[in-house]
Amino acid sequence: MKICSLLPSATEIAFALGLGEQVVAVSHECDYPPEASDRPVLTKSAIHRKIHRSLEVDQEVDRRGGDIYEIDEKLMEKLKPDLILTQELCHVCAVSYTSVKEAARVLDADTKIVSLEPTNLEEIVDNIILVGRMTGRLGEAEKLAQQILQRINWIREKAQTARHRPRVFFMEWLQPPWAGGHWIPQMVDYAGGVDELGRFGKPSHRIGWDEVVEYQPEIIVLSPCGFDADAVMEEAHVLASYEGWEKVPAFQFSRIYAVNASAYFSRSGPRVVDGLEILAHIIHPELFAENPHPEAVRMVPKELVLGKRVIERV
């Protein structure tokens, strides 16, 4: 079977099920596992590569109406895949199902196009089983799904013993501010926190900063889609454009964190359970003392939040 994966999370699922040799092409964002980068690339972003700042990206997406990806139809026709994995959940995160169907018109009628659209953690696990069933790897998929569910349930049960459930603002874009959606509020809940700004099972959404200040978050997690922790730190100075920090408990008690969104939170693949473990450590370090991925989390100094230069001491 020849598989084209146009979604980073689908690529991670395929490789986790031992289908790496059958993946004949990926999207330009498929960077995990590392060997995925060796595959031919079927997509590219229409946004100029020099645009990196959150505000500029947001403005460009609005200007284009969300249509920011292009598909190499000639390469797709040449590869003649049996299965194309894509999504219809977010037109900004990856190439859309509609675009893929249009591009696939040159292929044989037998080519299957599967859209993966999970809105919660359990549906992410269901998608793993679906890919396994579609590719003859159902046994491997069920085993992986069981392992992930066991880890999820262990975190959830342990977090229920917490004496306090802090208010969490999961910031999915820095400028303008966006609140997390889909599985993110559920992750906060399972990790022992409360997220009343996010919308469980629904898309992330733009939010007014006055709503954030009024909410009085005790913890803020900076997780802009597509950023790793270092990239978040490089842009954290834009937070200085927001007023009222002195009223926010997360700022007062230095509980603002930058995380690797791209690897552990934005993608609906197997590593989302690692994200849950990271989040549990952030929210309840007294219960979850070990951070499984310390490189994925950075504490954001107050000075940086206020737009001041931070000099790291050796």
C-alpha atoms as a PDB file:
ATOM      1  CA  MET A   1       0.000   0.000   0.000  1.00  0.00           C
ATOM      2  CA  LYS A   2       1.210   3.480  -0.898  1.00  0.00           C
ATOM      3  CA  ILE A   3       0.233   6.147   1.629  1.00  0.00           C
ATOM      4  CA  CYS A   4       0.328   9.919   1.264  1.00  0.00           C
ATOM      5  CA  SER A   5       0.028  11.654   4.624  1.00  0.00           C
ATOM      6  CA  LEU A   6      -0.844  15.331   4.435  1.00  0.00           C
ATOM      7  CA  LEU A   7      -1.209  15.757   8.180  1.00  0.00           C
ATOM      8  CA  PRO A   8       1.684  15.662  10.689  1.00  0.00           C
ATOM      9  CA  SER A   9      -0.346  13.709  13.254  1.00  0.00           C
ATOM     10  CA  ALA A  10      -1.336  11.141  10.618  1.00  0.00           C
ATOM     11  CA  THR A  11       2.304  10.743   9.656  1.00  0.00           C
ATOM     12  CA  GLU A  12       3.185  10.108  13.301  1.00  0.00           C
ATOM     13  CA  ILE A  13       0.401   7.529  13.537  1.00  0.00           C
ATOM     14  CA  ALA A  14       1.533   5.745  10.389  1.00  0.00           C
ATOM     15  CA  PHE A  15       5.137   5.474  11.531  1.00  0.00           C
ATOM     16  CA  ALA A  16       4.071   4.394  15.026  1.00  0.00           C
ATOM     17  CA  LEU A  17       2.171   1.513  13.415  1.00  0.00           C
ATOM     18  CA  GLY A  18       5.214   0.400  11.444  1.00  0.00           C
ATOM     19  CA  LEU A  19       3.967   1.798   8.140  1.00  0.00           C
ATOM     20  CA  GLY A  20       6.951   4.055   7.498  1.00  0.00           C
ATOM     21  CA  GLU A  21       8.088   2.216   4.370  1.00  0.00           C
ATOM     22  CA  GLN A  22       4.613   2.552   2.888  1.00  0.00           C
ATOM     23  CA  VAL A  23       4.480   6.325   3.394  1.00  0.00           C
ATOM     24  CA  VAL A  24       5.513   7.618  -0.037  1.00  0.00           C
ATOM     25  CA  ALA A  25       4.879  11.342   0.542  1.00  0.00           C
ATOM     26  CA  VAL A  26       4.146  13.777   3.354  1.00  0.00           C
ATOM     27  CA  SER A  27       3.257  17.413   3.937  1.00  0.00           C
ATOM     28  CA  HIS A  28       5.847  20.149   4.380  1.00  0.00           C
ATOM     29  CA  GLU A  29       5.082  20.179   8.128  1.00  0.00           C
ATOM     30  CA  CYS A  30       5.651  16.463   8.730  1.00  0.00           C
ATOM     31  CA  ASP A  31       8.889  16.472  10.729  1.00  0.00           C
ATOM     32  CA  TYR A  32       8.382  13.573  13.136  1.00  0.00           C
ATOM     33  CA  PRO A  33       9.735  10.998  13.298  1.00  0.00           C
ATOM     34  CA  PRO A  34      12.897  12.433  11.701  1.00  0.00           C
ATOM     35  CA  GLU A  35      12.853   9.883   8.868  1.00  0.00           C
ATOM     36  CA  ALA A  36       9.559  11.356   7.683  1.00  0.00           C
ATOM     37  CA  SER A  37      11.567  14.314   6.410  1.00  0.00           C
ATOM     38  CA  ASP A  38      13.174  12.010   3.833  1.00  0.00           C
ATOM     39  CA  ARG A  39       9.887  11.512   1.989  1.00  0.00           C
ATOM     40  CA  PRO A  40       8.780  13.585  -1.020  1.00  0.00           C
ATOM     41  CA  VAL A  41       6.791  16.672   0.016  1.00  0.00           C
ATOM     42  CA  LEU A  42       3.341  17.197  -1.469  1.00  0.00           C
ATOM     43  CA  THR A  43       2.378  20.538   0.046  1.00  0.00           C
ATOM     44  CA  LYS A  44       3.762  23.989   0.719  1.00  0.00           C
ATOM     45  CA  SER A  45       2.555  27.075   2.533  1.00  0.00           C
ATOM     46  CA  ALA A  46       1.525  30.141   0.552  1.00  0.00           C
ATOM     47  CA  ILE A  47       2.570  32.396   3.432  1.00  0.00           C
ATOM     48  CA  HIS A  48       5.942  33.997   2.791  1.00  0.00           C
ATOM     49  CA  ARG A  49       8.656  32.187   4.719  1.00  0.00           C
ATOM     50  CA  LYS A  50      10.002  35.496   6.087  1.00  0.00           C
ATOM     51  CA  ILE A  51       6.745  36.009   8.028  1.00  0.00           C
ATOM     52  CA  HIS A  52       7.215  34.575  11.501  1.00  0.00           C
ATOM     53  CA  ARG A  53       5.614  36.950  14.009  1.00  0.00           C
ATOM     54  CA  SER A  54       2.237  35.881  15.410  1.00  0.00           C
ATOM     55  CA  LEU A  55       0.449  39.079  14.418  1.00  0.00           C
ATOM     56  CA  GLU A  56       1.773  38.993  10.841  1.00  0.00           C
ATOM     57  CA  VAL A  57       0.778  35.343  10.406  1.00  0.00           C
ATOM     58  CA  ASP A  58      -2.701  36.047  11.763  1.00  0.00           C
ATOM     59  CA  GLN A  59      -3.144  38.995   9.396  1.00  0.00           C
ATOM     60  CA  GLU A  60      -1.947  36.985   6.405  1.00  0.00           C
ATOM     61  CA  VAL A  61      -4.309  34.100   7.193  1.00  0.00           C
ATOM     62  CA  ASP A  62      -7.209  36.567   7.433  1.00  0.00           C
ATOM     63  CA  ARG A  63      -6.203  38.193   4.163  1.00  0.00           C
ATOM     64  CA  ARG A  64      -6.170  34.842   2.370  1.00  0.00           C
ATOM     65  CA  GLY A  65      -9.382  33.664   3.977  1.00  0.00           C
ATOM     66  CA  GLY A  66      -7.581  30.680   5.462  1.00  0.00           C
ATOM     67  CA  ASP A  67      -6.524  29.248   2.082  1.00  0.00           C
ATOM     68  CA  ILE A  68      -2.793  29.064   2.758  1.00  0.00           C
ATOM     69  CA  TYR A  69      -1.659  25.692   1.366  1.00  0.00           C
ATOM     70  CA  GLU A  70      -0.827  24.412  -2.082  1.00  0.00           C
ATOM     71  CA  ILE A  71      -0.700  20.788  -3.280  1.00  0.00           C
ATOM     72  CA  ASP A  72       1.680  19.394  -5.875  1.00  0.00           C
ATOM     73  CA  GLU A  73      -0.901  17.676  -8.087  1.00  0.00           C
ATOM     74  CA  LYS A  74       1.665  16.425 -10.606  1.00  0.00           C
ATOM     75  CA  LEU A  75       3.648  14.644  -7.903  1.00  0.00           C
ATOM     76  CA  MET A  76       0.478  13.163  -6.456  1.00  0.00           C
ATOM     77  CA  GLU A  77      -0.505  11.824  -9.874  1.00  0.00           C
ATOM     78  CA  LYS A  78       2.974  10.361 -10.333  1.00  0.00           C
ATOM     79  CA  LEU A  79       2.948   8.612  -6.938  1.00  0.00           C
ATOM     80  CA  LYS A  80      -0.556   7.145  -7.434  1.00  0.00           C
ATOM     81  CA  PRO A  81      -1.263   6.575  -3.717  1.00  0.00           C
ATOM     82  CA  ASP A  82      -3.737   3.973  -2.514  1.00  0.00           C
ATOM     83  CA  LEU A  83      -4.557   5.962   0.619  1.00  0.00           C
ATOM     84  CA  ILE A  84      -4.441   9.688   1.380  1.00  0.00           C
ATOM     85  CA  LEU A  85      -4.657  10.808   4.996  1.00  0.00           C
ATOM     86  CA  THR A  86      -5.824  14.387   5.532  1.00  0.00           C
ATOM     87  CA  GLN A  87      -8.122  16.469   7.758  1.00  0.00           C
ATOM     88  CA  GLU A  88     -11.127  18.778   7.745  1.00  0.00           C
ATOM     89  CA  LEU A  89     -10.815  20.000  11.327  1.00  0.00           C
ATOM     90  CA  CYS A  90      -8.791  23.203  10.819  1.00  0.00           C
ATOM     91  CA  HIS A  91      -8.065  24.948   7.514  1.00  0.00           C
ATOM     92  CA  VAL A  92      -5.105  26.777   9.069  1.00  0.00           C
ATOM     93  CA  CYS A  93      -3.384  23.750  10.630  1.00  0.00           C
ATOM     94  CA  ALA A  94      -3.036  21.701   7.442  1.00  0.00           C
ATOM     95  CA  VAL A  95      -4.308  21.332   3.893  1.00  0.00           C
ATOM     96  CA  SER A  96      -8.079  20.819   3.909  1.00  0.00           C
ATOM     97  CA  TYR A  97     -10.058  17.746   2.880  1.00  0.00           C
ATOM     98  CA  THR A  98     -11.796  19.782   0.172  1.00  0.00           C
ATOM     99  CA  SER A  99      -8.475  20.836  -1.347  1.00  0.00           C
ATOM    100  CA  VAL A 100      -7.211  17.254  -1.281  1.00  0.00           C
ATOM    101  CA  LYS A 101     -10.349  15.961  -3.008  1.00  0.00           C
ATOM    102  CA  GLU A 102      -9.929  18.569  -5.710  1.00  0.00           C
ATOM    103  CA  ALA A 103      -6.266  17.678  -6.219  1.00  0.00           C
ATOM    104  CA  ALA A 104      -7.022  13.935  -6.198  1.00  0.00           C
ATOM    105  CA  ARG A 105      -9.363  14.179  -9.169  1.00  0.00           C
ATOM    106  CA  VAL A 106      -6.487  12.985 -11.366  1.00  0.00           C
ATOM    107  CA  LEU A 107      -6.163   9.732  -9.425  1.00  0.00           C
ATOM    108  CA  ASP A 108      -7.877   6.385  -9.853  1.00  0.00           C
ATOM    109  CA  ALA A 109     -11.312   5.974  -8.339  1.00  0.00           C
ATOM    110  CA  ASP A 110      -9.906   3.290  -6.031  1.00  0.00           C
ATOM    111  CA  THR A 111      -7.765   5.796  -4.133  1.00  0.00           C
ATOM    112  CA  LYS A 112      -9.192   6.242  -0.642  1.00  0.00           C
ATOM    113  CA  ILE A 113      -9.167   9.671   1.044  1.00  0.00           C
ATOM    114  CA  VAL A 114      -9.597   9.532   4.806  1.00  0.00           C
ATOM    115  CA  SER A 115     -10.199  12.685   6.831  1.00  0.00           C
ATOM    116  CA  LEU A 116      -9.078  12.486  10.462  1.00  0.00           C
ATOM    117  CA  GLU A 117     -11.110  14.916  12.575  1.00  0.00           C
ATOM    118  CA  PRO A 118     -10.792  14.192  16.305  1.00  0.00           C
ATOM    119  CA  THR A 119     -12.186  16.741  18.742  1.00  0.00           C
ATOM    120  CA  ASN A 120     -11.130  15.041  21.986  1.00  0.00           C
ATOM    121  CA  LEU A 121      -8.525  12.647  23.368  1.00  0.00           C
ATOM    122  CA  GLU A 122     -10.673   9.552  22.967  1.00  0.00           C
ATOM    123  CA  GLU A 123     -11.317  10.355  19.307  1.00  0.00           C
ATOM    124  CA  ILE A 124      -7.570  10.749  18.769  1.00  0.00           C
ATOM    125  CA  VAL A 125      -7.200   7.172  20.016  1.00  0.00           C
ATOM    126  CA  ASP A 126     -10.084   6.104  17.753  1.00  0.00           C
ATOM    127  CA  ASN A 127      -8.237   7.609  14.781  1.00  0.00           C
ATOM    128  CA  ILE A 128      -5.216   5.459  15.524  1.00  0.00           C
ATOM    129  CA  ILE A 129      -7.442   2.376  15.382  1.00  0.00           C
ATOM    130  CA  LEU A 130      -9.061   3.653  12.167  1.00  0.00           C
ATOM    131  CA  VAL A 131      -5.690   4.046  10.436  1.00  0.00           C
ATOM    132  CA  GLY A 132      -4.713   0.586  11.669  1.00  0.00           C
ATOM    133  CA  ARG A 133      -7.906  -0.905  10.251  1.00  0.00           C
ATOM    134  CA  MET A 134      -7.458   0.861   6.902  1.00  0.00           C
ATOM    135  CA  THR A 135      -3.871  -0.350   6.523  1.00  0.00           C
ATOM    136  CA  GLY A 136      -4.023  -3.895   7.862  1.00  0.00           C
ATOM    137  CA  ARG A 137      -2.319  -2.955  11.131  1.00  0.00           C
ATOM    138  CA  LEU A 138      -5.317  -3.264  13.443  1.00  0.00           C
ATOM    139  CA  GLY A 139      -3.450  -5.377  16.005  1.00  0.00           C
ATOM    140  CA  GLU A 140      -0.640  -2.858  16.311  1.00  0.00           C
ATOM    141  CA  ALA A 141      -3.137  -0.002  16.470  1.00  0.00           C
ATOM    142  CA  GLU A 142      -5.175  -1.598  19.252  1.00  0.00           C
ATOM    143  CA  LYS A 143      -2.027  -2.230  21.267  1.00  0.00           C
ATOM    144  CA  LEU A 144      -0.856   1.368  20.880  1.00  0.00           C
ATOM    145  CA  ALA A 145      -4.339   2.676  21.697  1.00  0.00           C
ATOM    146  CA  GLN A 146      -4.452   0.637  24.884  1.00  0.00           C
ATOM    147  CA  GLN A 147      -1.066   1.947  25.996  1.00  0.00           C
ATOM    148  CA  ILE A 148      -2.125   5.552  25.401  1.00  0.00           C
ATOM    149  CA  LEU A 149      -5.445   5.119  27.216  1.00  0.00           C
ATOM    150  CA  GLN A 150      -3.698   3.571  30.207  1.00  0.00           C
ATOM    151  CA  ARG A 151      -1.389   6.576  30.481  1.00  0.00           C
ATOM    152  CA  ILE A 152      -4.299   9.005  30.089  1.00  0.00           C
ATOM    153  CA  ASN A 153      -6.349   7.272  32.768  1.00  0.00           C
ATOM    154  CA  TRP A 154      -3.406   7.134  35.183  1.00  0.00           C
ATOM    155  CA  ILE A 155      -2.896  10.901  34.906  1.00  0.00           C
ATOM    156  CA  ARG A 156      -6.608  11.582  35.231  1.00  0.00           C
ATOM    157  CA  GLU A 157      -7.057   9.424  38.332  1.00  0.00           C
ATOM    158  CA  LYS A 158      -4.001  10.796  40.100  1.00  0.00           C
ATOM    159  CA  ALA A 159      -4.962  14.408  39.322  1.00  0.00           C
ATOM    160  CA  GLN A 160      -8.327  13.846  41.000  1.00  0.00           C
ATOM    161  CA  THR A 161      -6.522  13.620  44.337  1.00  0.00           C
ATOM    162  CA  ALA A 162      -5.384  17.258  44.072  1.00  0.00           C
ATOM    163  CA  ARG A 163      -6.685  19.533  46.805  1.00  0.00           C
ATOM    164  CA  HIS A 164      -6.982  22.499  44.449  1.00  0.00           C
ATOM    165  CA  ARG A 165      -7.768  22.784  40.749  1.00  0.00           C
ATOM    166  CA  PRO A 166      -6.102  25.996  39.496  1.00  0.00           C
ATOM    167  CA  ARG A 167      -7.575  28.177  36.766  1.00  0.00           C
ATOM    168  CA  VAL A 168      -5.567  27.717  33.563  1.00  0.00           C
ATOM    169  CA  PHE A 169      -5.446  29.861  30.433  1.00  0.00           C
ATOM    170  CA  PHE A 170      -4.081  27.820  27.537  1.00  0.00           C
ATOM    171  CA  MET A 171      -2.968  30.503  25.073  1.00  0.00           C
ATOM    172  CA  GLU A 172      -2.981  28.984  21.587  1.00  0.00           C
ATOM    173  CA  TRP A 173      -1.837  32.162  19.822  1.00  0.00           C
ATOM    174  CA  LEU A 174       0.128  35.073  21.245  1.00  0.00           C
ATOM    175  CA  GLN A 175      -0.960  38.069  19.183  1.00  0.00           C
ATOM    176  CA  PRO A 176      -3.879  38.395  18.995  1.00  0.00           C
ATOM    177  CA  PRO A 177      -4.680  36.088  21.926  1.00  0.00           C
ATOM    178  CA  TRP A 178      -6.511  32.841  21.194  1.00  0.00           C
ATOM    179  CA  ALA A 179      -7.883  30.312  23.677  1.00  0.00           C
ATOM    180  CA  GLY A 180      -7.387  26.597  23.056  1.00  0.00           C
ATOM    181  CA  GLY A 181     -10.178  24.347  21.813  1.00  0.00           C
ATOM    182  CA  HIS A 182     -10.948  20.760  20.862  1.00  0.00           C
ATOM    183  CA  TRP A 183      -8.978  18.445  23.192  1.00  0.00           C
ATOM    184  CA  ILE A 184      -7.046  21.203  24.996  1.00  0.00           C
ATOM    185  CA  PRO A 185      -9.650  22.051  27.701  1.00  0.00           C
ATOM    186  CA  GLN A 186     -10.044  18.312  28.243  1.00  0.00           C
ATOM    187  CA  MET A 187      -6.286  17.932  28.726  1.00  0.00           C
ATOM    188  CA  VAL A 188      -6.364  20.722  31.321  1.00  0.00           C
ATOM    189  CA  ASP A 189      -9.244  18.992  33.092  1.00  0.00           C
ATOM    190  CA  TYR A 190      -7.563  15.573  33.078  1.00  0.00           C
ATOM    191  CA  ALA A 191      -4.338  17.161  34.358  1.00  0.00           C
ATOM    192  CA  GLY A 192      -6.156  18.634  37.359  1.00  0.00           C
ATOM    193  CA  GLY A 193      -6.877  22.186  36.232  1.00  0.00           C
ATOM    194  CA  VAL A 194      -9.859  24.270  35.139  1.00  0.00           C
ATOM    195  CA  ASP A 195     -10.068  25.893  31.708  1.00  0.00           C
ATOM    196  CA  GLU A 196     -13.191  28.034  31.376  1.00  0.00           C
ATOM    197  CA  LEU A 197     -11.836  30.166  28.535  1.00  0.00           C
ATOM    198  CA  GLY A 198     -11.320  27.298  26.103  1.00  0.00           C
ATOM    199  CA  ARG A 199     -14.164  25.499  24.327  1.00  0.00           C
ATOM    200  CA  PHE A 200     -14.025  21.744  24.699  1.00  0.00           C
ATOM    201  CA  GLY A 201     -14.732  19.916  21.450  1.00  0.00           C
ATOM    202  CA  LYS A 202     -14.878  23.143  19.454  1.00  0.00           C
ATOM    203  CA  PRO A 203     -12.226  25.111  17.523  1.00  0.00           C
ATOM    204  CA  SER A 204      -9.849  27.487  19.278  1.00  0.00           C
ATOM    205  CA  HIS A 205     -11.063  31.076  19.180  1.00  0.00           C
ATOM    206  CA  ARG A 206      -9.880  34.651  19.467  1.00  0.00           C
ATOM    207  CA  ILE A 207     -10.434  36.126  22.897  1.00  0.00           C
ATOM    208  CA  GLY A 208     -10.334  39.606  24.387  1.00  0.00           C
ATOM    209  CA  TRP A 209      -7.478  40.254  26.775  1.00  0.00           C
ATOM    210  CA  ASP A 210      -9.888  41.828  29.229  1.00  0.00           C
ATOM    211  CA  GLU A 211     -11.594  38.424  29.474  1.00  0.00           C
ATOM    212  CA  VAL A 212      -8.281  36.853  30.426  1.00  0.00           C
ATOM    213  CA  VAL A 213      -7.583  39.419  33.138  1.00  0.00           C
ATOM    214  CA  GLU A 214     -11.104  39.043  34.487  1.00  0.00           C
ATOM    215  CA  TYR A 215     -10.718  35.249  34.550  1.00  0.00           C
ATOM    216  CA  GLN A 216      -7.691  35.611  36.861  1.00  0.00           C
ATOM    217  CA  PRO A 217      -5.741  32.581  35.593  1.00  0.00           C
ATOM    218  CA  GLU A 218      -3.380  31.044  38.102  1.00  0.00           C
ATOM    219  CA  ILE A 219      -1.392  29.359  35.337  1.00  0.00           C
ATOM    220  CA  ILE A 220      -0.844  30.476  31.746  1.00  0.00           C
ATOM    221  CA  VAL A 221       0.492  28.058  29.143  1.00  0.00           C
ATOM    222  CA  LEU A 222       1.863  29.677  25.974  1.00  0.00           C
ATOM    223  CA  SER A 223       1.338  27.153  23.203  1.00  0.00           C
ATOM    224  CA  PRO A 224       0.954  28.853  19.804  1.00  0.00           C
ATOM    225  CA  CYS A 225       0.244  26.286  17.116  1.00  0.00           C
ATOM    226  CA  GLY A 226       3.376  25.288  15.196  1.00  0.00           C
ATOM    227  CA  PHE A 227       5.852  26.741  17.731  1.00  0.00           C
ATOM    228  CA  ASP A 228       8.335  24.901  19.921  1.00  0.00           C
ATOM    229  CA  ALA A 229       9.316  26.236  23.360  1.00  0.00           C
ATOM    230  CA  ASP A 230      12.323  28.190  22.074  1.00  0.00           C
ATOM    231  CA  ALA A 231      10.263  29.883  19.356  1.00  0.00           C
ATOM    232  CA  VAL A 232       7.673  30.871  21.958  1.00  0.00           C
ATOM    233  CA  MET A 233      10.375  32.416  24.139  1.00  0.00           C
ATOM    234  CA  GLU A 234      11.671  34.427  21.192  1.00  0.00           C
ATOM    235  CA  GLU A 235       8.250  36.005  20.736  1.00  0.00           C
ATOM    236  CA  ALA A 236       7.106  36.200  24.361  1.00  0.00           C
ATOM    237  CA  HIS A 237       7.977  39.911  24.437  1.00  0.00           C
ATOM    238  CA  VAL A 238       4.725  40.629  22.519  1.00  0.00           C
ATOM    239  CA  LEU A 239       2.900  39.888  25.787  1.00  0.00           C
ATOM    240  CA  ALA A 240       4.003  43.353  26.923  1.00  0.00           C
ATOM    241  CA  SER A 241       1.352  44.809  24.601  1.00  0.00           C
ATOM    242  CA  TYR A 242      -1.349  43.573  26.996  1.00  0.00           C
ATOM    243  CA  GLU A 243      -2.322  45.534  30.082  1.00  0.00           C
ATOM    244  CA  GLY A 244      -3.222  44.425  33.580  1.00  0.00           C
ATOM    245  CA  TRP A 245      -0.484  41.877  34.198  1.00  0.00           C
ATOM    246  CA  GLU A 246      -0.127  42.985  37.800  1.00  0.00           C
ATOM    247  CA  LYS A 247      -3.704  41.758  38.377  1.00  0.00           C
ATOM    248  CA  VAL A 248      -3.064  38.264  36.978  1.00  0.00           C
ATOM    249  CA  PRO A 249      -2.121  35.584  39.569  1.00  0.00           C
ATOM    250  CA  ALA A 250      -0.095  33.619  36.992  1.00  0.00           C
ATOM    251  CA  PHE A 251       2.123  36.671  36.570  1.00  0.00           C
ATOM    252  CA  GLN A 252       2.278  37.457  40.286  1.00  0.00           C
ATOM    253  CA  PHE A 253       3.486  33.954  41.156  1.00  0.00           C
ATOM    254  CA  SER A 254       5.652  33.368  38.055  1.00  0.00           C
ATOM    255  CA  ARG A 255       3.545  30.557  36.657  1.00  0.00           C
ATOM    256  CA  ILE A 256       3.688  31.381  32.951  1.00  0.00           C
ATOM    257  CA  TYR A 257       5.169  28.632  30.791  1.00  0.00           C
ATOM    258  CA  ALA A 258       6.207  28.254  27.161  1.00  0.00           C
ATOM    259  CA  VAL A 259       5.749  24.746  25.740  1.00  0.00           C
ATOM    260  CA  ASN A 260       6.464  22.826  22.567  1.00  0.00           C
ATOM    261  CA  ALA A 261       3.029  23.104  20.995  1.00  0.00           C
ATOM    262  CA  SER A 262       4.003  21.533  17.703  1.00  0.00           C
ATOM    263  CA  ALA A 263       5.176  18.270  19.250  1.00  0.00           C
ATOM    264  CA  TYR A 264       2.841  17.717  22.177  1.00  0.00           C
ATOM    265  CA  PHE A 265      -0.336  19.789  21.988  1.00  0.00           C
ATOM    266  CA  SER A 266      -1.359  20.972  18.513  1.00  0.00           C
ATOM    267  CA  ARG A 267      -1.118  17.612  16.769  1.00  0.00           C
ATOM    268  CA  SER A 268      -3.734  14.924  17.289  1.00  0.00           C
ATOM    269  CA  GLY A 269      -1.281  12.042  17.270  1.00  0.00           C
ATOM    270  CA  PRO A 270       0.290   9.572  19.705  1.00  0.00           C
ATOM    271  CA  ARG A 271       2.466  12.218  21.402  1.00  0.00           C
ATOM    272  CA  VAL A 272      -0.554  14.101  22.732  1.00  0.00           C
ATOM    273  CA  VAL A 273      -0.367  11.826  25.776  1.00  0.00           C
ATOM    274  CA  ASP A 274       3.154  13.168  26.377  1.00  0.00           C
ATOM    275  CA  GLY A 275       1.573  16.618  26.286  1.00  0.00           C
ATOM    276  CA  LEU A 276      -0.905  15.540  28.950  1.00  0.00           C
ATOM    277  CA  GLU A 277       1.958  14.363  31.160  1.00  0.00           C
ATOM    278  CA  ILE A 278       3.798  17.656  30.615  1.00  0.00           C
ATOM    279  CA  LEU A 279       0.661  19.621  31.472  1.00  0.00           C
ATOM    280  CA  ALA A 280       0.092  17.577  34.630  1.00  0.00           C
ATOM    281  CA  HIS A 281       3.632  18.427  35.759  1.00  0.00           C
ATOM    282  CA  ILE A 282       3.032  22.140  35.091  1.00  0.00           C
ATOM    283  CA  ILE A 283      -0.306  22.248  36.913  1.00  0.00           C
ATOM    284  CA  HIS A 284       0.476  19.898  39.813  1.00  0.00           C
ATOM    285  CA  PRO A 285       4.236  19.480  40.300  1.00  0.00           C
ATOM    286  CA  GLU A 286       3.501  18.249  43.824  1.00  0.00           C
ATOM    287  CA  LEU A 287       1.741  15.205  42.307  1.00  0.00           C
ATOM    288  CA  PHE A 288       3.714  14.854  39.076  1.00  0.00           C
ATOM    289  CA  ALA A 289       7.250  15.744  40.068  1.00  0.00           C
ATOM    290  CA  GLU A 290       8.879  14.389  36.923  1.00  0.00           C
ATOM    291  CA  ASN A 291       8.624  16.211  33.612  1.00  0.00           C
ATOM    292  CA  PRO A 292       9.032  13.559  30.878  1.00  0.00           C
ATOM    293  CA  HIS A 293      10.253  16.178  28.398  1.00  0.00           C
ATOM    294  CA  PRO A 294      12.076  18.980  30.245  1.00  0.00           C
ATOM    295  CA  GLU A 295      13.276  20.504  26.977  1.00  0.00           C
ATOM    296  CA  ALA A 296       9.647  21.098  26.013  1.00  0.00           C
ATOM    297  CA  VAL A 297       8.883  23.547  28.836  1.00  0.00           C
ATOM    298  CA  ARG A 298      10.374  26.935  29.673  1.00  0.00           C
ATOM    299  CA  MET A 299       9.304  29.207  32.506  1.00  0.00           C
ATOM    300  CA  VAL A 300       8.730  32.746  31.185  1.00  0.00           C
ATOM    301  CA  PRO A 301      10.369  35.413  33.412  1.00  0.00           C
ATOM    302  CA  LYS A 302       8.300  38.395  34.514  1.00  0.00           C
ATOM    303  CA  GLU A 303      10.779  40.726  32.824  1.00  0.00           C
ATOM    304  CA  LEU A 304      10.138  39.081  29.463  1.00  0.00           C
ATOM    305  CA  VAL A 305       6.372  39.338  29.916  1.00  0.00           C
ATOM    306  CA  LEU A 306       6.823  43.061  30.485  1.00  0.00           C
ATOM    307  CA  GLY A 307       8.909  43.381  27.349  1.00  0.00           C
ATOM    308  CA  LYS A 308      12.217  43.841  29.111  1.00  0.00           C
ATOM    309  CA  ARG A 309      15.420  42.242  27.961  1.00  0.00           C
ATOM    310  CA  VAL A 310      16.392  39.151  29.941  1.00  0.00           C
ATOM    311  CA  ILE A 311      20.107  38.441  30.341  1.00  0.00           C
ATOM    312  CA  GLU A 312      20.787  34.786  30.994  1.00  0.00           C
ATOM    313  CA  ARG A 313      23.545  34.171  33.497  1.00  0.00           C
ATOM    314  CA  VAL A 314      26.055  31.437  32.931  1.00  0.00           C
END
